[in-house]
Amino acid sequence: MNDKIKEILVELRLQEDDINEILTKGEVIVDILTAKDFANVFLENGASFSCEPDIDALVKVTMPIKK
C-alpha cells in the first residue's frame, strides 16, 4: 500500500469505503464536486480522471497504485 496516497485520501476526507476501493483497485468513482475540489492534489500525485458517460455528475479517479 502506498502510504503517501493513503495520506492524501484521508486528507481529502473521502469515505473509508472509497479509500479502501482506491487502495485495492486503484480507482474509485466519486461525485464531480469531490473530484473538482481536490483535482489538483490528485493530479500532482499522478491521478487521472475520466467521466462516466452513462452516469451524470460522477467521475472515475484512477490512482497509480504501487503494490
PDB file of N, CA and C in Angstrom:
ATOM      1  N   MET A   1       0.849  -1.191   0.000  1.00  0.00           N
ATOM      2  CA  MET A   1       0.000   0.000   0.000  1.00  0.00           C
ATOM      3  C   MET A   1       0.887   1.245   0.000  1.00  0.00           C
ATOM      4  N   ASN A   2       0.513   2.200  -0.801  1.00  0.00           N
ATOM      5  CA  ASN A   2       1.286   3.429  -0.868  1.00  0.00           C
ATOM      6  C   ASN A   2       0.807   4.385   0.224  1.00  0.00           C
ATOM      7  N   ASP A   3       1.642   4.583   1.231  1.00  0.00           N
ATOM      8  CA  ASP A   3       1.241   5.406   2.384  1.00  0.00           C
ATOM      9  C   ASP A   3       0.957   6.842   1.999  1.00  0.00           C
ATOM     10  N   LYS A   4       1.735   7.358   1.043  1.00  0.00           N
ATOM     11  CA  LYS A   4       1.545   8.739   0.595  1.00  0.00           C
ATOM     12  C   LYS A   4       0.136   8.913   0.020  1.00  0.00           C
ATOM     13  N   ILE A   5      -0.279   7.972  -0.820  1.00  0.00           N
ATOM     14  CA  ILE A   5      -1.614   8.054  -1.416  1.00  0.00           C
ATOM     15  C   ILE A   5      -2.677   7.935  -0.334  1.00  0.00           C
ATOM     16  N   LYS A   6      -2.471   7.043   0.618  1.00  0.00           N
ATOM     17  CA  LYS A   6      -3.455   6.899   1.700  1.00  0.00           C
ATOM     18  C   LYS A   6      -3.574   8.197   2.485  1.00  0.00           C
ATOM     19  N   GLU A   7      -2.431   8.823   2.775  1.00  0.00           N
ATOM     20  CA  GLU A   7      -2.442  10.111   3.490  1.00  0.00           C
ATOM     21  C   GLU A   7      -3.273  11.134   2.729  1.00  0.00           C
ATOM     22  N   ILE A   8      -3.047  11.195   1.426  1.00  0.00           N
ATOM     23  CA  ILE A   8      -3.774  12.149   0.588  1.00  0.00           C
ATOM     24  C   ILE A   8      -5.265  11.861   0.643  1.00  0.00           C
ATOM     25  N   LEU A   9      -5.629  10.596   0.514  1.00  0.00           N
ATOM     26  CA  LEU A   9      -7.043  10.235   0.504  1.00  0.00           C
ATOM     27  C   LEU A   9      -7.706  10.586   1.826  1.00  0.00           C
ATOM     28  N   VAL A  10      -7.006  10.362   2.924  1.00  0.00           N
ATOM     29  CA  VAL A  10      -7.558  10.690   4.235  1.00  0.00           C
ATOM     30  C   VAL A  10      -7.722  12.203   4.345  1.00  0.00           C
ATOM     31  N   GLU A  11      -6.699  12.920   3.871  1.00  0.00           N
ATOM     32  CA  GLU A  11      -6.724  14.376   3.871  1.00  0.00           C
ATOM     33  C   GLU A  11      -7.911  14.909   3.062  1.00  0.00           C
ATOM     34  N   LEU A  12      -8.255  14.202   2.003  1.00  0.00           N
ATOM     35  CA  LEU A  12      -9.348  14.633   1.142  1.00  0.00           C
ATOM     36  C   LEU A  12     -10.721  14.300   1.738  1.00  0.00           C
ATOM     37  N   ARG A  13     -10.700  13.710   2.921  1.00  0.00           N
ATOM     38  CA  ARG A  13     -11.947  13.390   3.613  1.00  0.00           C
ATOM     39  C   ARG A  13     -12.849  12.477   2.781  1.00  0.00           C
ATOM     40  N   LEU A  14     -12.238  11.574   2.044  1.00  0.00           N
ATOM     41  CA  LEU A  14     -13.042  10.587   1.330  1.00  0.00           C
ATOM     42  C   LEU A  14     -13.588   9.592   2.344  1.00  0.00           C
ATOM     43  N   GLN A  15     -14.687   8.973   1.990  1.00  0.00           N
ATOM     44  CA  GLN A  15     -15.264   7.953   2.861  1.00  0.00           C
ATOM     45  C   GLN A  15     -14.308   6.765   2.943  1.00  0.00           C
ATOM     46  N   GLU A  16     -14.349   6.070   4.083  1.00  0.00           N
ATOM     47  CA  GLU A  16     -13.471   4.911   4.293  1.00  0.00           C
ATOM     48  C   GLU A  16     -13.620   3.881   3.167  1.00  0.00           C
ATOM     49  N   ASP A  17     -14.853   3.650   2.729  1.00  0.00           N
ATOM     50  CA  ASP A  17     -15.088   2.686   1.643  1.00  0.00           C
ATOM     51  C   ASP A  17     -14.384   3.115   0.363  1.00  0.00           C
ATOM     52  N   ASP A  18     -14.442   4.426   0.074  1.00  0.00           N
ATOM     53  CA  ASP A  18     -13.776   4.945  -1.124  1.00  0.00           C
ATOM     54  C   ASP A  18     -12.270   4.780  -1.011  1.00  0.00           C
ATOM     55  N   ILE A  19     -11.738   5.054   0.178  1.00  0.00           N
ATOM     56  CA  ILE A  19     -10.296   4.912   0.396  1.00  0.00           C
ATOM     57  C   ILE A  19      -9.885   3.463   0.162  1.00  0.00           C
ATOM     58  N   ASN A  20     -10.646   2.533   0.734  1.00  0.00           N
ATOM     59  CA  ASN A  20     -10.322   1.112   0.568  1.00  0.00           C
ATOM     60  C   ASN A  20     -10.397   0.696  -0.893  1.00  0.00           C
ATOM     61  N   GLU A  21     -11.405   1.217  -1.596  1.00  0.00           N
ATOM     62  CA  GLU A  21     -11.580   0.860  -3.001  1.00  0.00           C
ATOM     63  C   GLU A  21     -10.415   1.366  -3.846  1.00  0.00           C
ATOM     64  N   ILE A  22     -10.018   2.606  -3.587  1.00  0.00           N
ATOM     65  CA  ILE A  22      -8.936   3.185  -4.396  1.00  0.00           C
ATOM     66  C   ILE A  22      -7.604   2.493  -4.075  1.00  0.00           C
ATOM     67  N   LEU A  23      -7.436   2.057  -2.818  1.00  0.00           N
ATOM     68  CA  LEU A  23      -6.192   1.386  -2.446  1.00  0.00           C
ATOM     69  C   LEU A  23      -6.131  -0.044  -2.965  1.00  0.00           C
ATOM     70  N   THR A  24      -7.281  -0.689  -3.125  1.00  0.00           N
ATOM     71  CA  THR A  24      -7.240  -2.062  -3.615  1.00  0.00           C
ATOM     72  C   THR A  24      -7.345  -2.127  -5.131  1.00  0.00           C
ATOM     73  N   LYS A  25      -8.247  -1.336  -5.716  1.00  0.00           N
ATOM     74  CA  LYS A  25      -8.458  -1.398  -7.165  1.00  0.00           C
ATOM     75  C   LYS A  25      -7.643  -0.364  -7.931  1.00  0.00           C
ATOM     76  N   GLY A  26      -7.217   0.694  -7.227  1.00  0.00           N
ATOM     77  CA  GLY A  26      -6.506   1.766  -7.915  1.00  0.00           C
ATOM     78  C   GLY A  26      -7.436   2.766  -8.569  1.00  0.00           C
ATOM     79  N   GLU A  27      -8.749   2.609  -8.323  1.00  0.00           N
ATOM     80  CA  GLU A  27      -9.672   3.591  -8.879  1.00  0.00           C
ATOM     81  C   GLU A  27     -10.924   3.648  -8.019  1.00  0.00           C
ATOM     82  N   VAL A  28     -11.615   4.739  -8.146  1.00  0.00           N
ATOM     83  CA  VAL A  28     -12.849   4.924  -7.397  1.00  0.00           C
ATOM     84  C   VAL A  28     -13.720   5.894  -8.179  1.00  0.00           C
ATOM     85  N   ILE A  29     -15.011   5.767  -8.018  1.00  0.00           N
ATOM     86  CA  ILE A  29     -15.920   6.716  -8.657  1.00  0.00           C
ATOM     87  C   ILE A  29     -16.444   7.644  -7.572  1.00  0.00           C
ATOM     88  N   VAL A  30     -16.227   8.929  -7.776  1.00  0.00           N
ATOM     89  CA  VAL A  30     -16.671   9.925  -6.800  1.00  0.00           C
ATOM     90  C   VAL A  30     -17.545  10.951  -7.510  1.00  0.00           C
ATOM     91  N   ASP A  31     -18.266  11.723  -6.710  1.00  0.00           N
ATOM     92  CA  ASP A  31     -19.091  12.749  -7.341  1.00  0.00           C
ATOM     93  C   ASP A  31     -18.204  13.863  -7.874  1.00  0.00           C
ATOM     94  N   ILE A  32     -18.745  14.572  -8.829  1.00  0.00           N
ATOM     95  CA  ILE A  32     -17.948  15.542  -9.580  1.00  0.00           C
ATOM     96  C   ILE A  32     -17.430  16.673  -8.692  1.00  0.00           C
ATOM     97  N   LEU A  33     -18.182  17.031  -7.662  1.00  0.00           N
ATOM     98  CA  LEU A  33     -17.735  18.101  -6.767  1.00  0.00           C
ATOM     99  C   LEU A  33     -16.513  17.666  -5.969  1.00  0.00           C
ATOM    100  N   THR A  34     -16.529  16.441  -5.484  1.00  0.00           N
ATOM    101  CA  THR A  34     -15.361  15.920  -4.757  1.00  0.00           C
ATOM    102  C   THR A  34     -14.153  15.926  -5.681  1.00  0.00           C
ATOM    103  N   ALA A  35     -14.356  15.446  -6.895  1.00  0.00           N
ATOM    104  CA  ALA A  35     -13.253  15.371  -7.844  1.00  0.00           C
ATOM    105  C   ALA A  35     -12.723  16.764  -8.162  1.00  0.00           C
ATOM    106  N   LYS A  36     -13.635  17.704  -8.382  1.00  0.00           N
ATOM    107  CA  LYS A  36     -13.218  19.058  -8.765  1.00  0.00           C
ATOM    108  C   LYS A  36     -12.492  19.754  -7.617  1.00  0.00           C
ATOM    109  N   ASP A  37     -13.047  19.627  -6.417  1.00  0.00           N
ATOM    110  CA  ASP A  37     -12.438  20.283  -5.251  1.00  0.00           C
ATOM    111  C   ASP A  37     -10.995  19.851  -5.036  1.00  0.00           C
ATOM    112  N   PHE A  38     -10.719  18.577  -5.319  1.00  0.00           N
ATOM    113  CA  PHE A  38      -9.410  18.050  -4.988  1.00  0.00           C
ATOM    114  C   PHE A  38      -8.594  17.649  -6.199  1.00  0.00           C
ATOM    115  N   ALA A  39      -9.016  18.118  -7.380  1.00  0.00           N
ATOM    116  CA  ALA A  39      -8.353  17.714  -8.619  1.00  0.00           C
ATOM    117  C   ALA A  39      -6.851  17.965  -8.588  1.00  0.00           C
ATOM    118  N   ASN A  40      -6.444  19.130  -8.117  1.00  0.00           N
ATOM    119  CA  ASN A  40      -5.016  19.452  -8.140  1.00  0.00           C
ATOM    120  C   ASN A  40      -4.200  18.494  -7.293  1.00  0.00           C
ATOM    121  N   VAL A  41      -4.724  18.158  -6.117  1.00  0.00           N
ATOM    122  CA  VAL A  41      -4.000  17.240  -5.244  1.00  0.00           C
ATOM    123  C   VAL A  41      -3.858  15.880  -5.917  1.00  0.00           C
ATOM    124  N   PHE A  42      -4.975  15.406  -6.502  1.00  0.00           N
ATOM    125  CA  PHE A  42      -4.915  14.123  -7.188  1.00  0.00           C
ATOM    126  C   PHE A  42      -3.932  14.174  -8.345  1.00  0.00           C
ATOM    127  N   LEU A  43      -4.020  15.208  -9.169  1.00  0.00           N
ATOM    128  CA  LEU A  43      -3.206  15.281 -10.381  1.00  0.00           C
ATOM    129  C   LEU A  43      -1.719  15.396 -10.054  1.00  0.00           C
ATOM    130  N   GLU A  44      -1.397  16.141  -8.996  1.00  0.00           N
ATOM    131  CA  GLU A  44       0.005  16.266  -8.587  1.00  0.00           C
ATOM    132  C   GLU A  44       0.588  14.910  -8.235  1.00  0.00           C
ATOM    133  N   ASN A  45      -0.276  13.999  -7.871  1.00  0.00           N
ATOM    134  CA  ASN A  45       0.188  12.678  -7.441  1.00  0.00           C
ATOM    135  C   ASN A  45      -0.065  11.607  -8.494  1.00  0.00           C
ATOM    136  N   GLY A  46      -0.232  12.045  -9.731  1.00  0.00           N
ATOM    137  CA  GLY A  46      -0.281  11.111 -10.841  1.00  0.00           C
ATOM    138  C   GLY A  46      -1.634  10.496 -11.136  1.00  0.00           C
ATOM    139  N   ALA A  47      -2.695  11.086 -10.599  1.00  0.00           N
ATOM    140  CA  ALA A  47      -4.023  10.521 -10.854  1.00  0.00           C
ATOM    141  C   ALA A  47      -4.544  10.975 -12.207  1.00  0.00           C
ATOM    142  N   SER A  48      -5.497  10.228 -12.711  1.00  0.00           N
ATOM    143  CA  SER A  48      -6.195  10.685 -13.903  1.00  0.00           C
ATOM    144  C   SER A  48      -7.697  10.591 -13.652  1.00  0.00           C
ATOM    145  N   PHE A  49      -8.432  11.390 -14.381  1.00  0.00           N
ATOM    146  CA  PHE A  49      -9.874  11.462 -14.220  1.00  0.00           C
ATOM    147  C   PHE A  49     -10.546  11.065 -15.522  1.00  0.00           C
ATOM    148  N   SER A  50     -11.665  10.390 -15.421  1.00  0.00           N
ATOM    149  CA  SER A  50     -12.476  10.191 -16.609  1.00  0.00           C
ATOM    150  C   SER A  50     -13.936  10.240 -16.190  1.00  0.00           C
ATOM    151  N   CYS A  51     -14.744  10.889 -17.006  1.00  0.00           N
ATOM    152  CA  CYS A  51     -16.158  10.979 -16.692  1.00  0.00           C
ATOM    153  C   CYS A  51     -16.834   9.688 -17.132  1.00  0.00           C
ATOM    154  N   GLU A  52     -17.768   9.275 -16.343  1.00  0.00           N
ATOM    155  CA  GLU A  52     -18.540   8.083 -16.690  1.00  0.00           C
ATOM    156  C   GLU A  52     -19.683   8.547 -17.576  1.00  0.00           C
ATOM    157  N   PRO A  53     -19.673   8.185 -18.859  1.00  0.00           N
ATOM    158  CA  PRO A  53     -20.645   8.744 -19.799  1.00  0.00           C
ATOM    159  C   PRO A  53     -22.098   8.431 -19.448  1.00  0.00           C
ATOM    160  N   ASP A  54     -22.299   7.266 -18.819  1.00  0.00           N
ATOM    161  CA  ASP A  54     -23.680   6.895 -18.519  1.00  0.00           C
ATOM    162  C   ASP A  54     -24.149   7.352 -17.138  1.00  0.00           C
ATOM    163  N   ILE A  55     -23.257   7.956 -16.375  1.00  0.00           N
ATOM    164  CA  ILE A  55     -23.647   8.408 -15.040  1.00  0.00           C
ATOM    165  C   ILE A  55     -23.323   9.898 -14.912  1.00  0.00           C
ATOM    166  N   ASP A  56     -24.352  10.720 -14.866  1.00  0.00           N
ATOM    167  CA  ASP A  56     -24.129  12.162 -14.726  1.00  0.00           C
ATOM    168  C   ASP A  56     -23.498  12.477 -13.377  1.00  0.00           C
ATOM    169  N   ALA A  57     -22.614  13.437 -13.391  1.00  0.00           N
ATOM    170  CA  ALA A  57     -22.034  14.008 -12.175  1.00  0.00           C
ATOM    171  C   ALA A  57     -21.147  13.048 -11.386  1.00  0.00           C
ATOM    172  N   LEU A  58     -20.736  11.946 -12.024  1.00  0.00           N
ATOM    173  CA  LEU A  58     -19.773  11.067 -11.361  1.00  0.00           C
ATOM    174  C   LEU A  58     -18.506  10.998 -12.201  1.00  0.00           C
ATOM    175  N   VAL A  59     -17.390  10.892 -11.516  1.00  0.00           N
ATOM    176  CA  VAL A  59     -16.094  10.889 -12.186  1.00  0.00           C
ATOM    177  C   VAL A  59     -15.288   9.712 -11.647  1.00  0.00           C
ATOM    178  N   LYS A  60     -14.638   9.009 -12.546  1.00  0.00           N
ATOM    179  CA  LYS A  60     -13.748   7.926 -12.109  1.00  0.00           C
ATOM    180  C   LYS A  60     -12.353   8.508 -11.905  1.00  0.00           C
ATOM    181  N   VAL A  61     -11.807   8.297 -10.732  1.00  0.00           N
ATOM    182  CA  VAL A  61     -10.456   8.743 -10.423  1.00  0.00           C
ATOM    183  C   VAL A  61      -9.572   7.503 -10.384  1.00  0.00           C
ATOM    184  N   THR A  62      -8.514   7.528 -11.165  1.00  0.00           N
ATOM    185  CA  THR A  62      -7.584   6.407 -11.191  1.00  0.00           C
ATOM    186  C   THR A  62      -6.253   6.856 -10.597  1.00  0.00           C
ATOM    187  N   MET A  63      -5.799   6.134  -9.598  1.00  0.00           N
ATOM    188  CA  MET A  63      -4.528   6.463  -8.963  1.00  0.00           C
ATOM    189  C   MET A  63      -3.501   5.414  -9.352  1.00  0.00           C
ATOM    190  N   PRO A  64      -2.247   5.835  -9.535  1.00  0.00           N
ATOM    191  CA  PRO A  64      -1.202   4.855  -9.841  1.00  0.00           C
ATOM    192  C   PRO A  64      -0.757   4.159  -8.559  1.00  0.00           C
ATOM    193  N   ILE A  65      -1.393   3.047  -8.248  1.00  0.00           N
ATOM    194  CA  ILE A  65      -1.109   2.344  -7.004  1.00  0.00           C
ATOM    195  C   ILE A  65       0.088   1.411  -7.205  1.00  0.00           C
ATOM    196  N   LYS A  66       1.041   1.546  -6.314  1.00  0.00           N
ATOM    197  CA  LYS A  66       2.213   0.661  -6.373  1.00  0.00           C
ATOM    198  C   LYS A  66       1.981  -0.460  -5.375  1.00  0.00           C
ATOM    199  N   LYS A  67       1.898  -1.655  -5.876  1.00  0.00           N
ATOM    200  CA  LYS A  67       1.643  -2.812  -4.989  1.00  0.00           C
ATOM    201  C   LYS A  67       2.953  -3.288  -4.388  1.00  0.00           C
TER     202      LYS A  67
END
